[in-house]
């Protein structure tokens, strides 16, 4: 009876620990998703700021162009025929073109950097969750092994628990594990205390 209770307690403790591991891993993943979302929001804001800066620079150029043309005409120079005036205006246009190219490139590079950070944060969060699920699965498996060891050591009669089989107590697949109670005999069957499937003899954990 004592060994049976100890085995159940071992399984319960392993289940609680595994659930806590998985919950923590999921929480870390969700936190990472939120951080990535915030970074991507910053990227969008940066793009808007870049477009605004681009438009502001173009507006300054247009105002300066109008002023320069007005000054040239006031001096009696025809901007359509005066070579020096045309060269001056072309130089101004080249300068603003370089400014806009440099500005656009810097903003594009910043956006790429932010996106890379967001991707890295998201991948790391998912990796933590995957590691937590593996840890939870390992904890459950260890709990099964410890419970089997505890229960198998409780031989005797009456209220005790006896293992009367030779096959492995634990079987597992990729994501499921089963603890086989079918060969335990005693005054009180374990399946009255642990949820078992309708086929009997197994306690299942779905990771």
Protein backbone atom coordinates (compact mmCIF):
# COMPACT_ATOMS: atom_id res chain seq x y z
CA UNK A 1 0.00 0.00 0.00
CA UNK A 2 2.81 2.39 0.90
CA UNK A 3 4.70 1.57 -2.25
CA UNK A 4 1.58 2.06 -4.31
CA UNK A 5 1.03 5.49 -2.77
CA UNK A 6 4.67 6.38 -3.29
CA UNK A 7 4.47 5.35 -6.95
CA UNK A 8 1.38 7.48 -7.47
CA UNK A 9 3.03 10.42 -5.73
CA UNK A 10 6.09 10.04 -7.94
CA UNK A 11 3.97 10.11 -11.08
CA UNK A 12 1.97 13.10 -9.84
CA UNK A 13 5.16 15.00 -9.02
CA UNK A 14 6.62 14.24 -12.43
CA UNK A 15 3.40 15.38 -14.12
CA UNK A 16 3.33 18.67 -12.23
CA UNK A 17 7.00 19.32 -12.98
CA UNK A 18 6.56 18.49 -16.67
CA UNK A 19 3.55 20.77 -16.96
CA UNK A 20 5.48 23.61 -15.31
CA UNK A 21 8.38 23.14 -17.74
CA UNK A 22 6.08 23.19 -20.74
CA UNK A 23 4.14 26.19 -19.45
CA UNK A 24 7.33 28.15 -18.86
CA UNK A 25 8.61 27.28 -22.33
CA UNK A 26 5.34 28.40 -23.92
CA UNK A 27 5.44 31.63 -21.92
CA UNK A 28 8.95 32.33 -23.19
CA UNK A 29 7.84 31.67 -26.76
CA UNK A 30 4.86 34.03 -26.44
CA UNK A 31 7.10 36.68 -24.92
CA UNK A 32 9.49 36.31 -27.84
CA UNK A 33 6.60 36.59 -30.30
CA UNK A 34 5.56 39.85 -28.64
CA UNK A 35 9.12 41.20 -28.80
CA UNK A 36 9.31 40.25 -32.48
CA UNK A 37 5.97 41.96 -33.14
CA UNK A 38 7.23 45.14 -31.46
CA UNK A 39 10.39 45.06 -33.56
CA UNK A 40 8.38 44.64 -36.75
CA UNK A 41 6.21 47.57 -35.66
CA UNK A 42 9.38 49.64 -35.25
CA UNK A 43 10.36 48.58 -38.77
CA UNK A 44 7.08 49.88 -40.18
CA UNK A 45 7.44 53.15 -38.28
CA UNK A 46 10.99 53.47 -39.57
CA UNK A 47 9.72 53.00 -43.14
CA UNK A 48 7.13 55.74 -42.64
CA UNK A 49 9.80 58.07 -41.22
CA UNK A 50 12.04 57.29 -44.20
CA UNK A 51 9.30 58.21 -46.68
CA UNK A 52 8.64 61.40 -44.75
CA UNK A 53 12.33 62.32 -44.76
CA UNK A 54 12.47 61.59 -48.50
CA UNK A 55 9.47 63.82 -49.17
CA UNK A 56 10.83 66.60 -46.94
CA UNK A 57 14.14 66.61 -48.82
CA UNK A 58 12.35 66.76 -52.16
CA UNK A 59 10.20 69.64 -50.94
CA UNK A 60 13.30 71.57 -49.90
CA UNK A 61 14.81 70.95 -53.34
CA UNK A 62 11.69 72.16 -55.14
CA UNK A 63 11.58 75.37 -53.07
CA UNK A 64 15.27 76.03 -53.68
CA UNK A 65 14.85 75.30 -57.39
CA UNK A 66 12.03 77.81 -57.68
CA UNK A 67 14.03 80.43 -55.80
CA UNK A 68 17.15 79.87 -57.90
CA UNK A 69 15.23 80.10 -61.17
CA UNK A 70 13.59 83.33 -59.98
CA UNK A 71 16.98 84.83 -59.08
CA UNK A 72 18.46 83.84 -62.45
CA UNK A 73 15.57 85.41 -64.35
CA UNK A 74 15.88 88.54 -62.20
CA UNK A 75 19.47 88.75 -63.35
CA UNK A 76 18.33 88.56 -66.93
CA UNK A 77 19.58 85.07 -67.56
CA UNK A 78 17.52 82.52 -69.52
CA UNK A 79 17.84 79.17 -67.75
CA UNK A 80 16.89 77.39 -70.98
CA UNK A 81 19.79 78.91 -72.91
CA UNK A 82 22.36 79.99 -70.36
CA UNK A 83 24.89 77.16 -70.08
CA UNK A 84 26.27 78.22 -66.69
CA UNK A 85 22.74 78.51 -65.25
CA UNK A 86 21.86 75.07 -66.56
CA UNK A 87 25.08 73.64 -65.08
CA UNK A 88 24.27 75.20 -61.71
CA UNK A 89 20.76 73.75 -61.66
CA UNK A 90 22.05 70.35 -62.81
CA UNK A 91 24.59 70.34 -59.97
CA UNK A 92 21.85 71.10 -57.45
CA UNK A 93 19.75 68.28 -58.85
CA UNK A 94 22.69 65.87 -58.61
CA UNK A 95 23.26 66.82 -54.98
CA UNK A 96 19.66 66.15 -54.00
CA UNK A 97 19.74 62.86 -55.91
CA UNK A 98 22.78 61.73 -53.93
CA UNK A 99 21.15 62.82 -50.68
CA UNK A 100 17.99 60.84 -51.42
CA UNK A 101 19.91 57.73 -52.49
CA UNK A 102 21.98 57.80 -49.32
CA UNK A 103 18.92 58.40 -47.16
CA UNK A 104 16.94 55.59 -48.79
CA UNK A 105 19.86 53.17 -48.51
CA UNK A 106 20.39 53.92 -44.81
CA UNK A 107 16.70 53.40 -44.05
CA UNK A 108 16.59 50.18 -46.07
CA UNK A 109 19.62 48.86 -44.18
CA UNK A 110 18.00 49.79 -40.87
CA UNK A 111 14.78 48.00 -41.85
CA UNK A 112 16.72 44.85 -42.79
CA UNK A 113 18.56 44.96 -39.47
CA UNK A 114 15.33 45.27 -37.50
CA UNK A 115 13.72 42.42 -39.45
CA UNK A 116 16.71 40.19 -38.76
CA UNK A 117 16.46 40.97 -35.06
CA UNK A 118 12.75 40.14 -35.06
CA UNK A 119 13.38 36.84 -36.86
CA UNK A 120 16.16 35.90 -34.45
CA UNK A 121 14.00 36.67 -31.40
CA UNK A 122 11.11 34.62 -32.79
CA UNK A 123 13.32 31.62 -33.66
CA UNK A 124 14.96 31.67 -30.22
CA UNK A 125 11.55 31.75 -28.53
CA UNK A 126 10.32 28.75 -30.51
CA UNK A 127 13.56 26.91 -29.75
CA UNK A 128 13.04 27.50 -26.01
CA UNK A 129 9.52 26.11 -26.27
CA UNK A 130 10.74 23.04 -28.16
CA UNK A 131 13.45 22.48 -25.53
CA UNK A 132 10.86 22.85 -22.76
CA UNK A 133 8.63 20.20 -24.36
CA UNK A 134 11.57 17.83 -24.65
CA UNK A 135 12.44 18.52 -21.02
CA UNK A 136 8.84 17.86 -19.97
CA UNK A 137 8.79 14.59 -21.89
CA UNK A 138 12.06 13.54 -20.27
CA UNK A 139 10.68 14.41 -16.84
CA UNK A 140 7.59 12.27 -17.44
CA UNK A 141 9.67 9.35 -18.66
CA UNK A 142 11.89 9.61 -15.60
CA UNK A 143 8.77 9.74 -13.44
CA UNK A 144 7.49 6.54 -15.04
CA UNK A 145 10.82 4.84 -14.43
CA UNK A 146 10.95 5.97 -10.80
CA UNK A 147 7.34 4.93 -10.20
CA UNK A 148 8.01 1.51 -11.71
CA UNK A 149 11.07 1.08 -9.53
CA UNK A 150 9.15 2.12 -6.43
CA UNK A 151 6.16 -0.10 -7.17
CA UNK A 152 8.26 -3.12 -8.14
CA UNK A 153 10.12 -2.93 -4.87
CA UNK A 154 6.94 -3.40 -2.87
CA UNK A 155 6.59 -7.17 -3.02
CA UNK A 156 4.49 -9.04 -0.48
CA UNK A 157 0.90 -9.96 0.13
CA UNK A 158 -2.18 -8.37 1.55
CA UNK A 159 -2.18 -4.63 0.99
CA UNK A 160 1.17 -4.69 -0.73
CA UNK A 161 1.91 -4.51 -4.45
CA UNK A 162 3.65 -7.22 -6.43
CA UNK A 163 5.01 -7.17 -9.98
CA UNK A 164 4.50 -10.55 -11.65
CA UNK A 165 5.84 -10.01 -15.15
CA UNK A 166 9.10 -9.98 -17.03
CA UNK A 167 8.32 -7.55 -19.83
CA UNK A 168 9.39 -3.92 -19.84
CA UNK A 169 7.26 -1.65 -17.68
CA UNK A 170 7.56 1.29 -20.02
CA UNK A 171 6.95 1.54 -23.73
CA UNK A 172 7.20 4.72 -25.76
CA UNK A 173 6.81 6.24 -29.20
CA UNK A 174 7.88 9.64 -30.44
CA UNK A 175 5.35 11.62 -28.43
CA UNK A 176 3.53 9.07 -26.27
CA UNK A 177 4.59 6.92 -23.38
CA UNK A 178 2.77 4.15 -21.57
CA UNK A 179 3.41 2.77 -18.12
CA UNK A 180 2.19 -0.82 -17.99
CA UNK A 181 0.41 -1.78 -14.76
CA UNK A 182 -1.18 -4.93 -16.09
CA UNK A 183 1.29 -7.27 -14.34
CA UNK A 184 0.95 -5.70 -10.91
CA UNK A 185 -1.24 -7.58 -8.48
CA UNK A 186 -2.36 -6.56 -5.03
CA UNK A 187 -5.35 -5.95 -2.84
CA UNK A 188 -5.92 -2.62 -4.51
CA UNK A 189 -5.53 -2.20 -8.25
CA UNK A 190 -3.58 0.86 -9.38
CA UNK A 191 -6.11 1.55 -12.09
CA UNK A 192 -8.63 2.63 -9.42
CA UNK A 193 -6.31 5.51 -8.58
CA UNK A 194 -4.84 6.47 -11.98
CA UNK A 195 -6.80 7.33 -15.10
CA UNK A 196 -6.40 4.43 -17.49
CA UNK A 197 -7.59 3.87 -21.01
CA UNK A 198 -10.58 1.61 -21.78
CA UNK A 199 -8.26 -1.22 -22.80
CA UNK A 200 -6.89 -1.41 -19.28
CA UNK A 201 -3.41 -1.90 -17.96
CA UNK A 202 -1.84 1.37 -19.14
CA UNK A 203 -1.32 4.90 -17.92
CA UNK A 204 -0.78 7.16 -20.93
CA UNK A 205 1.06 10.46 -21.20
CA UNK A 206 0.66 12.51 -24.35
CA UNK A 207 3.51 14.98 -24.76
